[in-house]
Each structure stands twice: as C-alpha cells, then as structure tokens.
Amino acid sequence: MSAGHATQFYIDGEWQDRSGSPLLAVVDPASEAVIGHVAAGGSGDVDLAVAAARRAFESFSRTSVEGRLALLGRILDLLELRGGSILAHCDVARRSQCVDIAPSSRLALGQNRLRHGAST
C-alpha cells in the first residue's frame, strides 16, 4: 500500500499534513496482515473540512442547473476514463479480489447513478 498521503487529508482543495494524528492500521482481510496506515481524523480535522465545505457552498449554491449537470458529466467522464483502474486497486487491497473482476459491477452502478442524476 502506498504511503503517499497516509498522514494527510484532502481539505479545501489541497492535501493537508496531519502527521500529528494517530495512525490506524489498514488490514488485508485475506491475510489479516497490516498493509499500511492512514491518519485518524479528529474534531479539528472535521472543523477544517466543515469550514471548507461552507465556503465552497457559498459559490456552488449559485451554480446553475446546467453548470451542475456539466460537473456531473465531467465526473462521469473521469470515472469512465480512470475509475476502473482506481476502483480495481482499492478492491484488490480491501477485498483480495483479482483486478480483472473487482470493479466491473460496482463501477457500472456508480456510473449509472451519475448518468441518471445528470439526465433528470
């Protein structure tokens, strides 16, 4: 498991170092081996994330329906482009499934939900 952002949280559009946070073990369910660690968030992290969400909501709440639909379309495009690979590697680590079958049904379900949301 990559440790690239193990002690960071993505808040307010950037990775924020939380190296002082306690770490939680990530356990492979098949072998019960610890395969990595991630930072455990605390109330201060929640406060930072909520404040960032409130700031973002001020402008996003004024976004037109067309703008929101365009955003959903962009998210769907990115899922179709990269989602299978990302989800497959997450599922392989989390469920010990092989890369070829891990994402197929779950990725399709997410894409269908986005398509439905973008068309209503």
PDB file of N, CA and C in Angstrom:
ATOM      1  N   MET A   1       0.842  -1.179   0.000  1.00  0.00           N
ATOM      2  CA  MET A   1       0.000   0.000   0.000  1.00  0.00           C
ATOM      3  C   MET A   1       0.883   1.236   0.000  1.00  0.00           C
ATOM      4  N   SER A   2       0.561   2.162  -0.860  1.00  0.00           N
ATOM      5  CA  SER A   2       1.354   3.383  -0.949  1.00  0.00           C
ATOM      6  C   SER A   2       1.113   4.274   0.254  1.00  0.00           C
ATOM      7  N   ALA A   3       2.178   4.874   0.750  1.00  0.00           N
ATOM      8  CA  ALA A   3       2.067   5.763   1.898  1.00  0.00           C
ATOM      9  C   ALA A   3       2.030   7.221   1.469  1.00  0.00           C
ATOM     10  N   GLY A   4       1.792   7.487   0.182  1.00  0.00           N
ATOM     11  CA  GLY A   4       1.855   8.834  -0.358  1.00  0.00           C
ATOM     12  C   GLY A   4       1.109   9.892   0.428  1.00  0.00           C
ATOM     13  N   HIS A   5      -0.118   9.617   0.806  1.00  0.00           N
ATOM     14  CA  HIS A   5      -0.924  10.588   1.538  1.00  0.00           C
ATOM     15  C   HIS A   5      -1.432  10.006   2.859  1.00  0.00           C
ATOM     16  N   ALA A   6      -0.710   9.057   3.410  1.00  0.00           N
ATOM     17  CA  ALA A   6      -1.177   8.340   4.599  1.00  0.00           C
ATOM     18  C   ALA A   6      -1.393   9.247   5.802  1.00  0.00           C
ATOM     19  N   THR A   7      -0.642  10.325   5.907  1.00  0.00           N
ATOM     20  CA  THR A   7      -0.804  11.222   7.054  1.00  0.00           C
ATOM     21  C   THR A   7      -1.405  12.559   6.627  1.00  0.00           C
ATOM     22  N   GLN A   8      -2.146  12.544   5.523  1.00  0.00           N
ATOM     23  CA  GLN A   8      -2.741  13.776   5.022  1.00  0.00           C
ATOM     24  C   GLN A   8      -4.232  13.583   4.775  1.00  0.00           C
ATOM     25  N   PHE A   9      -4.951  14.707   4.813  1.00  0.00           N
ATOM     26  CA  PHE A   9      -6.359  14.745   4.428  1.00  0.00           C
ATOM     27  C   PHE A   9      -6.512  15.764   3.317  1.00  0.00           C
ATOM     28  N   TYR A  10      -7.414  15.479   2.382  1.00  0.00           N
ATOM     29  CA  TYR A  10      -7.683  16.420   1.292  1.00  0.00           C
ATOM     30  C   TYR A  10      -8.795  17.342   1.759  1.00  0.00           C
ATOM     31  N   ILE A  11      -8.427  18.561   2.144  1.00  0.00           N
ATOM     32  CA  ILE A  11      -9.371  19.538   2.684  1.00  0.00           C
ATOM     33  C   ILE A  11      -9.141  20.863   1.979  1.00  0.00           C
ATOM     34  N   ASP A  12     -10.228  21.475   1.561  1.00  0.00           N
ATOM     35  CA  ASP A  12     -10.176  22.810   0.958  1.00  0.00           C
ATOM     36  C   ASP A  12      -9.316  22.849  -0.307  1.00  0.00           C
ATOM     37  N   GLY A  13      -9.383  21.762  -1.089  1.00  0.00           N
ATOM     38  CA  GLY A  13      -8.698  21.736  -2.370  1.00  0.00           C
ATOM     39  C   GLY A  13      -7.218  21.418  -2.323  1.00  0.00           C
ATOM     40  N   GLU A  14      -6.718  20.995  -1.174  1.00  0.00           N
ATOM     41  CA  GLU A  14      -5.299  20.644  -1.112  1.00  0.00           C
ATOM     42  C   GLU A  14      -5.053  19.588  -0.028  1.00  0.00           C
ATOM     43  N   TRP A  15      -3.951  18.885  -0.208  1.00  0.00           N
ATOM     44  CA  TRP A  15      -3.541  17.903   0.789  1.00  0.00           C
ATOM     45  C   TRP A  15      -2.971  18.637   1.992  1.00  0.00           C
ATOM     46  N   GLN A  16      -3.490  18.308   3.158  1.00  0.00           N
ATOM     47  CA  GLN A  16      -3.054  18.949   4.397  1.00  0.00           C
ATOM     48  C   GLN A  16      -2.376  17.916   5.280  1.00  0.00           C
ATOM     49  N   ASP A  17      -1.181  18.248   5.717  1.00  0.00           N
ATOM     50  CA  ASP A  17      -0.417  17.327   6.550  1.00  0.00           C
ATOM     51  C   ASP A  17      -1.059  17.197   7.924  1.00  0.00           C
ATOM     52  N   ARG A  18      -1.303  15.998   8.320  1.00  0.00           N
ATOM     53  CA  ARG A  18      -1.867  15.707   9.641  1.00  0.00           C
ATOM     54  C   ARG A  18      -0.945  14.707  10.331  1.00  0.00           C
ATOM     55  N   SER A  19       0.359  14.917  10.207  1.00  0.00           N
ATOM     56  CA  SER A  19       1.332  13.951  10.729  1.00  0.00           C
ATOM     57  C   SER A  19       1.241  13.783  12.236  1.00  0.00           C
ATOM     58  N   GLY A  20       0.602  14.726  12.924  1.00  0.00           N
ATOM     59  CA  GLY A  20       0.432  14.586  14.368  1.00  0.00           C
ATOM     60  C   GLY A  20      -0.743  13.700  14.747  1.00  0.00           C
ATOM     61  N   SER A  21      -1.540  13.299  13.761  1.00  0.00           N
ATOM     62  CA  SER A  21      -2.707  12.460  14.041  1.00  0.00           C
ATOM     63  C   SER A  21      -2.282  11.029  14.331  1.00  0.00           C
ATOM     64  N   PRO A  22      -3.024  10.350  15.194  1.00  0.00           N
ATOM     65  CA  PRO A  22      -2.740   8.925  15.388  1.00  0.00           C
ATOM     66  C   PRO A  22      -2.986   8.169  14.081  1.00  0.00           C
ATOM     67  N   LEU A  23      -2.293   7.063  13.903  1.00  0.00           N
ATOM     68  CA  LEU A  23      -2.447   6.262  12.692  1.00  0.00           C
ATOM     69  C   LEU A  23      -3.313   5.045  12.963  1.00  0.00           C
ATOM     70  N   LEU A  24      -4.116   4.703  11.961  1.00  0.00           N
ATOM     71  CA  LEU A  24      -4.934   3.489  12.006  1.00  0.00           C
ATOM     72  C   LEU A  24      -4.329   2.467  11.052  1.00  0.00           C
ATOM     73  N   ALA A  25      -4.280   1.233  11.478  1.00  0.00           N
ATOM     74  CA  ALA A  25      -3.766   0.170  10.621  1.00  0.00           C
ATOM     75  C   ALA A  25      -4.794  -0.183   9.556  1.00  0.00           C
ATOM     76  N   VAL A  26      -4.308  -0.423   8.324  1.00  0.00           N
ATOM     77  CA  VAL A  26      -5.135  -0.932   7.232  1.00  0.00           C
ATOM     78  C   VAL A  26      -4.778  -2.412   7.114  1.00  0.00           C
ATOM     79  N   VAL A  27      -5.796  -3.263   7.293  1.00  0.00           N
ATOM     80  CA  VAL A  27      -5.572  -4.706   7.376  1.00  0.00           C
ATOM     81  C   VAL A  27      -6.120  -5.396   6.136  1.00  0.00           C
ATOM     82  N   ASP A  28      -5.310  -6.269   5.529  1.00  0.00           N
ATOM     83  CA  ASP A  28      -5.741  -7.102   4.408  1.00  0.00           C
ATOM     84  C   ASP A  28      -6.667  -8.168   4.981  1.00  0.00           C
ATOM     85  N   PRO A  29      -7.945  -8.207   4.562  1.00  0.00           N
ATOM     86  CA  PRO A  29      -8.875  -9.164   5.147  1.00  0.00           C
ATOM     87  C   PRO A  29      -8.542 -10.626   4.842  1.00  0.00           C
ATOM     88  N   ALA A  30      -7.825 -10.867   3.760  1.00  0.00           N
ATOM     89  CA  ALA A  30      -7.488 -12.247   3.414  1.00  0.00           C
ATOM     90  C   ALA A  30      -6.389 -12.804   4.296  1.00  0.00           C
ATOM     91  N   SER A  31      -5.383 -11.987   4.560  1.00  0.00           N
ATOM     92  CA  SER A  31      -4.235 -12.484   5.325  1.00  0.00           C
ATOM     93  C   SER A  31      -4.180 -11.936   6.748  1.00  0.00           C
ATOM     94  N   GLU A  32      -5.000 -10.925   7.007  1.00  0.00           N
ATOM     95  CA  GLU A  32      -5.003 -10.218   8.291  1.00  0.00           C
ATOM     96  C   GLU A  32      -3.666  -9.526   8.570  1.00  0.00           C
ATOM     97  N   ALA A  33      -2.884  -9.320   7.525  1.00  0.00           N
ATOM     98  CA  ALA A  33      -1.616  -8.610   7.665  1.00  0.00           C
ATOM     99  C   ALA A  33      -1.869  -7.107   7.551  1.00  0.00           C
ATOM    100  N   VAL A  34      -1.125  -6.337   8.299  1.00  0.00           N
ATOM    101  CA  VAL A  34      -1.199  -4.886   8.186  1.00  0.00           C
ATOM    102  C   VAL A  34      -0.487  -4.491   6.898  1.00  0.00           C
ATOM    103  N   ILE A  35      -1.221  -3.821   5.994  1.00  0.00           N
ATOM    104  CA  ILE A  35      -0.650  -3.458   4.696  1.00  0.00           C
ATOM    105  C   ILE A  35      -0.374  -1.963   4.583  1.00  0.00           C
ATOM    106  N   GLY A  36      -0.693  -1.213   5.600  1.00  0.00           N
ATOM    107  CA  GLY A  36      -0.435   0.220   5.584  1.00  0.00           C
ATOM    108  C   GLY A  36      -1.073   0.895   6.774  1.00  0.00           C
ATOM    109  N   HIS A  37      -0.956   2.196   6.794  1.00  0.00           N
ATOM    110  CA  HIS A  37      -1.540   3.003   7.860  1.00  0.00           C
ATOM    111  C   HIS A  37      -2.123   4.280   7.267  1.00  0.00           C
ATOM    112  N   VAL A  38      -3.177   4.783   7.885  1.00  0.00           N
ATOM    113  CA  VAL A  38      -3.773   6.057   7.495  1.00  0.00           C
ATOM    114  C   VAL A  38      -4.005   6.891   8.749  1.00  0.00           C
ATOM    115  N   ALA A  39      -4.004   8.194   8.569  1.00  0.00           N
ATOM    116  CA  ALA A  39      -4.222   9.094   9.701  1.00  0.00           C
ATOM    117  C   ALA A  39      -5.663   8.999  10.172  1.00  0.00           C
ATOM    118  N   ALA A  40      -5.840   9.041  11.481  1.00  0.00           N
ATOM    119  CA  ALA A  40      -7.175   9.077  12.077  1.00  0.00           C
ATOM    120  C   ALA A  40      -7.543  10.544  12.284  1.00  0.00           C
ATOM    121  N   GLY A  41      -8.668  10.948  11.761  1.00  0.00           N
ATOM    122  CA  GLY A  41      -9.087  12.338  11.903  1.00  0.00           C
ATOM    123  C   GLY A  41      -9.649  12.598  13.284  1.00  0.00           C
ATOM    124  N   GLY A  42      -9.535  13.836  13.693  1.00  0.00           N
ATOM    125  CA  GLY A  42     -10.086  14.263  14.965  1.00  0.00           C
ATOM    126  C   GLY A  42     -11.054  15.412  14.767  1.00  0.00           C
ATOM    127  N   SER A  43     -11.522  15.982  15.849  1.00  0.00           N
ATOM    128  CA  SER A  43     -12.504  17.054  15.764  1.00  0.00           C
ATOM    129  C   SER A  43     -11.938  18.278  15.041  1.00  0.00           C
ATOM    130  N   GLY A  44     -10.649  18.557  15.189  1.00  0.00           N
ATOM    131  CA  GLY A  44     -10.042  19.681  14.481  1.00  0.00           C
ATOM    132  C   GLY A  44     -10.077  19.488  12.977  1.00  0.00           C
ATOM    133  N   ASP A  45      -9.873  18.244  12.528  1.00  0.00           N
ATOM    134  CA  ASP A  45      -9.930  17.941  11.098  1.00  0.00           C
ATOM    135  C   ASP A  45     -11.355  18.114  10.576  1.00  0.00           C
ATOM    136  N   VAL A  46     -12.315  17.681  11.370  1.00  0.00           N
ATOM    137  CA  VAL A  46     -13.717  17.854  10.989  1.00  0.00           C
ATOM    138  C   VAL A  46     -14.040  19.339  10.874  1.00  0.00           C
ATOM    139  N   ASP A  47     -13.583  20.127  11.845  1.00  0.00           N
ATOM    140  CA  ASP A  47     -13.834  21.572  11.808  1.00  0.00           C
ATOM    141  C   ASP A  47     -13.252  22.209  10.544  1.00  0.00           C
ATOM    142  N   LEU A  48     -12.025  21.823  10.171  1.00  0.00           N
ATOM    143  CA  LEU A  48     -11.407  22.347   8.945  1.00  0.00           C
ATOM    144  C   LEU A  48     -12.225  21.967   7.713  1.00  0.00           C
ATOM    145  N   ALA A  49     -12.657  20.712   7.647  1.00  0.00           N
ATOM    146  CA  ALA A  49     -13.413  20.237   6.489  1.00  0.00           C
ATOM    147  C   ALA A  49     -14.784  20.906   6.407  1.00  0.00           C
ATOM    148  N   VAL A  50     -15.454  21.068   7.527  1.00  0.00           N
ATOM    149  CA  VAL A  50     -16.770  21.721   7.534  1.00  0.00           C
ATOM    150  C   VAL A  50     -16.641  23.183   7.123  1.00  0.00           C
ATOM    151  N   ALA A  51     -15.630  23.870   7.637  1.00  0.00           N
ATOM    152  CA  ALA A  51     -15.416  25.274   7.257  1.00  0.00           C
ATOM    153  C   ALA A  51     -15.149  25.388   5.759  1.00  0.00           C
ATOM    154  N   ALA A  52     -14.352  24.477   5.204  1.00  0.00           N
ATOM    155  CA  ALA A  52     -14.068  24.487   3.765  1.00  0.00           C
ATOM    156  C   ALA A  52     -15.344  24.222   2.967  1.00  0.00           C
ATOM    157  N   ALA A  53     -16.157  23.286   3.430  1.00  0.00           N
ATOM    158  CA  ALA A  53     -17.406  22.965   2.730  1.00  0.00           C
ATOM    159  C   ALA A  53     -18.356  24.162   2.755  1.00  0.00           C
ATOM    160  N   ARG A  54     -18.416  24.847   3.870  1.00  0.00           N
ATOM    161  CA  ARG A  54     -19.285  26.031   3.953  1.00  0.00           C
ATOM    162  C   ARG A  54     -18.829  27.117   2.983  1.00  0.00           C
ATOM    163  N   ARG A  55     -17.518  27.319   2.902  1.00  0.00           N
ATOM    164  CA  ARG A  55     -17.000  28.322   1.962  1.00  0.00           C
ATOM    165  C   ARG A  55     -17.311  27.924   0.519  1.00  0.00           C
ATOM    166  N   ALA A  56     -17.133  26.660   0.217  1.00  0.00           N
ATOM    167  CA  ALA A  56     -17.391  26.184  -1.150  1.00  0.00           C
ATOM    168  C   ALA A  56     -18.881  26.270  -1.482  1.00  0.00           C
ATOM    169  N   PHE A  57     -19.724  26.040  -0.497  1.00  0.00           N
ATOM    170  CA  PHE A  57     -21.167  26.050  -0.749  1.00  0.00           C
ATOM    171  C   PHE A  57     -21.656  27.436  -1.158  1.00  0.00           C
ATOM    172  N   GLU A  58     -21.035  28.474  -0.626  1.00  0.00           N
ATOM    173  CA  GLU A  58     -21.468  29.832  -0.968  1.00  0.00           C
ATOM    174  C   GLU A  58     -21.481  30.045  -2.474  1.00  0.00           C
ATOM    175  N   SER A  59     -20.410  29.650  -3.143  1.00  0.00           N
ATOM    176  CA  SER A  59     -20.380  29.841  -4.603  1.00  0.00           C
ATOM    177  C   SER A  59     -21.111  28.707  -5.326  1.00  0.00           C
ATOM    178  N   PHE A  60     -20.971  27.480  -4.850  1.00  0.00           N
ATOM    179  CA  PHE A  60     -21.598  26.357  -5.546  1.00  0.00           C
ATOM    180  C   PHE A  60     -23.118  26.466  -5.506  1.00  0.00           C
ATOM    181  N   SER A  61     -23.665  27.013  -4.423  1.00  0.00           N
ATOM    182  CA  SER A  61     -25.125  27.119  -4.313  1.00  0.00           C
ATOM    183  C   SER A  61     -25.710  28.054  -5.359  1.00  0.00           C
ATOM    184  N   ARG A  62     -24.882  28.905  -5.949  1.00  0.00           N
ATOM    185  CA  ARG A  62     -25.332  29.829  -7.001  1.00  0.00           C
ATOM    186  C   ARG A  62     -25.078  29.259  -8.403  1.00  0.00           C
ATOM    187  N   THR A  63     -24.546  28.044  -8.474  1.00  0.00           N
ATOM    188  CA  THR A  63     -24.273  27.410  -9.762  1.00  0.00           C
ATOM    189  C   THR A  63     -25.589  27.037 -10.430  1.00  0.00           C
ATOM    190  N   SER A  64     -25.671  27.288 -11.718  1.00  0.00           N
ATOM    191  CA  SER A  64     -26.891  26.955 -12.468  1.00  0.00           C
ATOM    192  C   SER A  64     -27.064  25.445 -12.575  1.00  0.00           C
ATOM    193  N   VAL A  65     -28.269  25.046 -12.919  1.00  0.00           N
ATOM    194  CA  VAL A  65     -28.546  23.623 -13.152  1.00  0.00           C
ATOM    195  C   VAL A  65     -27.640  23.103 -14.258  1.00  0.00           C
ATOM    196  N   GLU A  66     -27.469  23.899 -15.306  1.00  0.00           N
ATOM    197  CA  GLU A  66     -26.611  23.486 -16.413  1.00  0.00           C
ATOM    198  C   GLU A  66     -25.167  23.295 -15.940  1.00  0.00           C
ATOM    199  N   GLY A  67     -24.696  24.176 -15.087  1.00  0.00           N
ATOM    200  CA  GLY A  67     -23.346  24.051 -14.549  1.00  0.00           C
ATOM    201  C   GLY A  67     -23.173  22.799 -13.700  1.00  0.00           C
ATOM    202  N   ARG A  68     -24.190  22.492 -12.908  1.00  0.00           N
ATOM    203  CA  ARG A  68     -24.125  21.281 -12.070  1.00  0.00           C
ATOM    204  C   ARG A  68     -24.172  20.020 -12.928  1.00  0.00           C
ATOM    205  N   LEU A  69     -24.994  20.054 -13.968  1.00  0.00           N
ATOM    206  CA  LEU A  69     -25.062  18.907 -14.878  1.00  0.00           C
ATOM    207  C   LEU A  69     -23.740  18.729 -15.616  1.00  0.00           C
ATOM    208  N   ALA A  70     -23.113  19.839 -15.988  1.00  0.00           N
ATOM    209  CA  ALA A  70     -21.808  19.753 -16.643  1.00  0.00           C
ATOM    210  C   ALA A  70     -20.773  19.139 -15.694  1.00  0.00           C
ATOM    211  N   LEU A  71     -20.840  19.491 -14.420  1.00  0.00           N
ATOM    212  CA  LEU A  71     -19.921  18.914 -13.430  1.00  0.00           C
ATOM    213  C   LEU A  71     -20.156  17.411 -13.290  1.00  0.00           C
ATOM    214  N   LEU A  72     -21.418  17.001 -13.208  1.00  0.00           N
ATOM    215  CA  LEU A  72     -21.710  15.563 -13.149  1.00  0.00           C
ATOM    216  C   LEU A  72     -21.189  14.849 -14.389  1.00  0.00           C
ATOM    217  N   GLY A  73     -21.352  15.479 -15.545  1.00  0.00           N
ATOM    218  CA  GLY A  73     -20.846  14.890 -16.779  1.00  0.00           C
ATOM    219  C   GLY A  73     -19.331  14.735 -16.750  1.00  0.00           C
ATOM    220  N   ARG A  74     -18.639  15.726 -16.212  1.00  0.00           N
ATOM    221  CA  ARG A  74     -17.171  15.662 -16.115  1.00  0.00           C
ATOM    222  C   ARG A  74     -16.741  14.557 -15.161  1.00  0.00           C
ATOM    223  N   ILE A  75     -17.443  14.426 -14.038  1.00  0.00           N
ATOM    224  CA  ILE A  75     -17.138  13.353 -13.092  1.00  0.00           C
ATOM    225  C   ILE A  75     -17.345  12.000 -13.760  1.00  0.00           C
ATOM    226  N   LEU A  76     -18.436  11.861 -14.511  1.00  0.00           N
ATOM    227  CA  LEU A  76     -18.703  10.617 -15.225  1.00  0.00           C
ATOM    228  C   LEU A  76     -17.616  10.328 -16.249  1.00  0.00           C
ATOM    229  N   ASP A  77     -17.190  11.344 -16.989  1.00  0.00           N
ATOM    230  CA  ASP A  77     -16.108  11.159 -17.961  1.00  0.00           C
ATOM    231  C   ASP A  77     -14.848  10.641 -17.280  1.00  0.00           C
ATOM    232  N   LEU A  78     -14.499  11.238 -16.145  1.00  0.00           N
ATOM    233  CA  LEU A  78     -13.296  10.810 -15.431  1.00  0.00           C
ATOM    234  C   LEU A  78     -13.441   9.399 -14.874  1.00  0.00           C
ATOM    235  N   LEU A  79     -14.640   9.058 -14.397  1.00  0.00           N
ATOM    236  CA  LEU A  79     -14.866   7.684 -13.925  1.00  0.00           C
ATOM    237  C   LEU A  79     -14.700   6.688 -15.060  1.00  0.00           C
ATOM    238  N   GLU A  80     -15.235   7.028 -16.220  1.00  0.00           N
ATOM    239  CA  GLU A  80     -15.112   6.121 -17.354  1.00  0.00           C
ATOM    240  C   GLU A  80     -13.668   6.006 -17.819  1.00  0.00           C
ATOM    241  N   LEU A  81     -12.919   7.084 -17.700  1.00  0.00           N
ATOM    242  CA  LEU A  81     -11.530   7.088 -18.126  1.00  0.00           C
ATOM    243  C   LEU A  81     -10.620   6.357 -17.145  1.00  0.00           C
ATOM    244  N   ARG A  82     -10.786   6.620 -15.855  1.00  0.00           N
ATOM    245  CA  ARG A  82      -9.836   6.114 -14.861  1.00  0.00           C
ATOM    246  C   ARG A  82     -10.458   5.299 -13.737  1.00  0.00           C
ATOM    247  N   GLY A  83     -11.762   5.309 -13.637  1.00  0.00           N
ATOM    248  CA  GLY A  83     -12.428   4.694 -12.488  1.00  0.00           C
ATOM    249  C   GLY A  83     -12.173   3.221 -12.312  1.00  0.00           C
ATOM    250  N   GLY A  84     -12.171   2.479 -13.407  1.00  0.00           N
ATOM    251  CA  GLY A  84     -11.958   1.042 -13.298  1.00  0.00           C
ATOM    252  C   GLY A  84     -10.629   0.710 -12.665  1.00  0.00           C
ATOM    253  N   SER A  85      -9.604   1.384 -13.089  1.00  0.00           N
ATOM    254  CA  SER A  85      -8.267   1.137 -12.547  1.00  0.00           C
ATOM    255  C   SER A  85      -8.177   1.510 -11.078  1.00  0.00           C
ATOM    256  N   ILE A  86      -8.725   2.680 -10.739  1.00  0.00           N
ATOM    257  CA  ILE A  86      -8.672   3.137  -9.348  1.00  0.00           C
ATOM    258  C   ILE A  86      -9.459   2.193  -8.450  1.00  0.00           C
ATOM    259  N   LEU A  87     -10.694   1.884  -8.848  1.00  0.00           N
ATOM    260  CA  LEU A  87     -11.541   1.025  -8.031  1.00  0.00           C
ATOM    261  C   LEU A  87     -10.973  -0.384  -7.934  1.00  0.00           C
ATOM    262  N   ALA A  88     -10.424  -0.874  -9.023  1.00  0.00           N
ATOM    263  CA  ALA A  88      -9.856  -2.221  -9.004  1.00  0.00           C
ATOM    264  C   ALA A  88      -8.755  -2.336  -7.973  1.00  0.00           C
ATOM    265  N   HIS A  89      -7.860  -1.373  -7.936  1.00  0.00           N
ATOM    266  CA  HIS A  89      -6.757  -1.459  -6.989  1.00  0.00           C
ATOM    267  C   HIS A  89      -7.224  -1.290  -5.548  1.00  0.00           C
ATOM    268  N   CYS A  90      -8.254  -0.493  -5.343  1.00  0.00           N
ATOM    269  CA  CYS A  90      -8.830  -0.385  -3.994  1.00  0.00           C
ATOM    270  C   CYS A  90      -9.451  -1.713  -3.581  1.00  0.00           C
ATOM    271  N   ASP A  91     -10.224  -2.319  -4.484  1.00  0.00           N
ATOM    272  CA  ASP A  91     -10.880  -3.579  -4.149  1.00  0.00           C
ATOM    273  C   ASP A  91      -9.880  -4.712  -3.968  1.00  0.00           C
ATOM    274  N   VAL A  92      -8.831  -4.717  -4.758  1.00  0.00           N
ATOM    275  CA  VAL A  92      -7.823  -5.761  -4.608  1.00  0.00           C
ATOM    276  C   VAL A  92      -7.233  -5.703  -3.211  1.00  0.00           C
ATOM    277  N   ALA A  93      -6.913  -4.510  -2.749  1.00  0.00           N
ATOM    278  CA  ALA A  93      -6.330  -4.363  -1.414  1.00  0.00           C
ATOM    279  C   ALA A  93      -7.359  -4.621  -0.329  1.00  0.00           C
ATOM    280  N   ARG A  94      -8.598  -4.176  -0.538  1.00  0.00           N
ATOM    281  CA  ARG A  94      -9.602  -4.259   0.514  1.00  0.00           C
ATOM    282  C   ARG A  94     -10.275  -5.626   0.587  1.00  0.00           C
ATOM    283  N   ARG A  95     -10.530  -6.231  -0.565  1.00  0.00           N
ATOM    284  CA  ARG A  95     -11.296  -7.476  -0.590  1.00  0.00           C
ATOM    285  C   ARG A  95     -10.509  -8.674  -1.086  1.00  0.00           C
ATOM    286  N   SER A  96      -9.291  -8.452  -1.481  1.00  0.00           N
ATOM    287  CA  SER A  96      -8.455  -9.509  -2.042  1.00  0.00           C
ATOM    288  C   SER A  96      -9.088 -10.123  -3.289  1.00  0.00           C
ATOM    289  N   GLN A  97      -9.740  -9.290  -4.106  1.00  0.00           N
ATOM    290  CA  GLN A  97     -10.282  -9.749  -5.381  1.00  0.00           C
ATOM    291  C   GLN A  97      -9.239  -9.519  -6.464  1.00  0.00           C
ATOM    292  N   CYS A  98      -9.363 -10.266  -7.546  1.00  0.00           N
ATOM    293  CA  CYS A  98      -8.411 -10.037  -8.622  1.00  0.00           C
ATOM    294  C   CYS A  98      -8.788  -8.768  -9.382  1.00  0.00           C
ATOM    295  N   VAL A  99      -7.810  -8.120  -9.959  1.00  0.00           N
ATOM    296  CA  VAL A  99      -8.008  -6.834 -10.622  1.00  0.00           C
ATOM    297  C   VAL A  99      -9.030  -6.937 -11.741  1.00  0.00           C
ATOM    298  N   ASP A 100      -9.082  -8.047 -12.446  1.00  0.00           N
ATOM    299  CA  ASP A 100      -9.974  -8.165 -13.603  1.00  0.00           C
ATOM    300  C   ASP A 100     -11.452  -8.150 -13.245  1.00  0.00           C
ATOM    301  N   ILE A 101     -11.846  -8.643 -12.082  1.00  0.00           N
ATOM    302  CA  ILE A 101     -13.276  -8.704 -11.760  1.00  0.00           C
ATOM    303  C   ILE A 101     -13.703  -7.720 -10.683  1.00  0.00           C
ATOM    304  N   ALA A 102     -12.782  -7.169  -9.958  1.00  0.00           N
ATOM    305  CA  ALA A 102     -13.125  -6.335  -8.815  1.00  0.00           C
ATOM    306  C   ALA A 102     -14.063  -5.181  -9.151  1.00  0.00           C
ATOM    307  N   PRO A 103     -13.772  -4.353 -10.154  1.00  0.00           N
ATOM    308  CA  PRO A 103     -14.563  -3.134 -10.297  1.00  0.00           C
ATOM    309  C   PRO A 103     -15.799  -3.226 -11.161  1.00  0.00           C
ATOM    310  N   SER A 104     -15.966  -4.280 -11.922  1.00  0.00           N
ATOM    311  CA  SER A 104     -16.940  -4.261 -13.005  1.00  0.00           C
ATOM    312  C   SER A 104     -18.341  -3.855 -12.565  1.00  0.00           C
ATOM    313  N   SER A 105     -18.933  -4.528 -11.625  1.00  0.00           N
ATOM    314  CA  SER A 105     -20.320  -4.219 -11.273  1.00  0.00           C
ATOM    315  C   SER A 105     -20.432  -2.962 -10.429  1.00  0.00           C
ATOM    316  N   ARG A 106     -19.510  -2.742  -9.516  1.00  0.00           N
ATOM    317  CA  ARG A 106     -19.612  -1.568  -8.647  1.00  0.00           C
ATOM    318  C   ARG A 106     -19.343  -0.275  -9.410  1.00  0.00           C
ATOM    319  N   LEU A 107     -18.414  -0.291 -10.340  1.00  0.00           N
ATOM    320  CA  LEU A 107     -18.147   0.895 -11.146  1.00  0.00           C
ATOM    321  C   LEU A 107     -19.346   1.201 -12.032  1.00  0.00           C
ATOM    322  N   ALA A 108     -19.920   0.181 -12.640  1.00  0.00           N
ATOM    323  CA  ALA A 108     -21.088   0.388 -13.500  1.00  0.00           C
ATOM    324  C   ALA A 108     -22.254   0.967 -12.700  1.00  0.00           C
ATOM    325  N   LEU A 109     -22.449   0.519 -11.480  1.00  0.00           N
ATOM    326  CA  LEU A 109     -23.521   1.041 -10.646  1.00  0.00           C
ATOM    327  C   LEU A 109     -23.316   2.532 -10.380  1.00  0.00           C
ATOM    328  N   GLY A 110     -22.105   2.924 -10.032  1.00  0.00           N
ATOM    329  CA  GLY A 110     -21.810   4.336  -9.792  1.00  0.00           C
ATOM    330  C   GLY A 110     -22.007   5.176 -11.037  1.00  0.00           C
ATOM    331  N   GLN A 111     -21.555   4.667 -12.171  1.00  0.00           N
ATOM    332  CA  GLN A 111     -21.712   5.404 -13.429  1.00  0.00           C
ATOM    333  C   GLN A 111     -23.187   5.562 -13.775  1.00  0.00           C
ATOM    334  N   ASN A 112     -23.973   4.505 -13.573  1.00  0.00           N
ATOM    335  CA  ASN A 112     -25.402   4.584 -13.875  1.00  0.00           C
ATOM    336  C   ASN A 112     -26.098   5.605 -12.981  1.00  0.00           C
ATOM    337  N   ARG A 113     -25.687   5.679 -11.721  1.00  0.00           N
ATOM    338  CA  ARG A 113     -26.289   6.679 -10.822  1.00  0.00           C
ATOM    339  C   ARG A 113     -25.952   8.090 -11.282  1.00  0.00           C
ATOM    340  N   LEU A 114     -24.726   8.308 -11.724  1.00  0.00           N
ATOM    341  CA  LEU A 114     -24.351   9.629 -12.232  1.00  0.00           C
ATOM    342  C   LEU A 114     -25.102   9.966 -13.516  1.00  0.00           C
ATOM    343  N   ARG A 115     -25.227   8.980 -14.409  1.00  0.00           N
ATOM    344  CA  ARG A 115     -25.960   9.220 -15.653  1.00  0.00           C
ATOM    345  C   ARG A 115     -27.411   9.604 -15.348  1.00  0.00           C
ATOM    346  N   HIS A 116     -28.015   8.885 -14.403  1.00  0.00           N
ATOM    347  CA  HIS A 116     -29.404   9.172 -14.030  1.00  0.00           C
ATOM    348  C   HIS A 116     -29.518  10.574 -13.434  1.00  0.00           C
ATOM    349  N   GLY A 117     -28.571  10.933 -12.552  1.00  0.00           N
ATOM    350  CA  GLY A 117     -28.597  12.253 -11.940  1.00  0.00           C
ATOM    351  C   GLY A 117     -28.399  13.356 -12.964  1.00  0.00           C
ATOM    352  N   ALA A 118     -27.566  13.107 -13.945  1.00  0.00           N
ATOM    353  CA  ALA A 118     -27.282  14.122 -14.963  1.00  0.00           C
ATOM    354  C   ALA A 118     -28.423  14.258 -15.969  1.00  0.00           C
ATOM    355  N   SER A 119     -29.311  13.267 -16.024  1.00  0.00           N
ATOM    356  CA  SER A 119     -30.379  13.320 -17.009  1.00  0.00           C
ATOM    357  C   SER A 119     -31.708  13.780 -16.411  1.00  0.00           C
ATOM    358  N   THR A 120     -31.758  14.000 -15.109  1.00  0.00           N
ATOM    359  CA  THR A 120     -33.032  14.409 -14.503  1.00  0.00           C
ATOM    360  C   THR A 120     -33.078  15.887 -14.229  1.00  0.00           C
TER     361      THR A 120
END
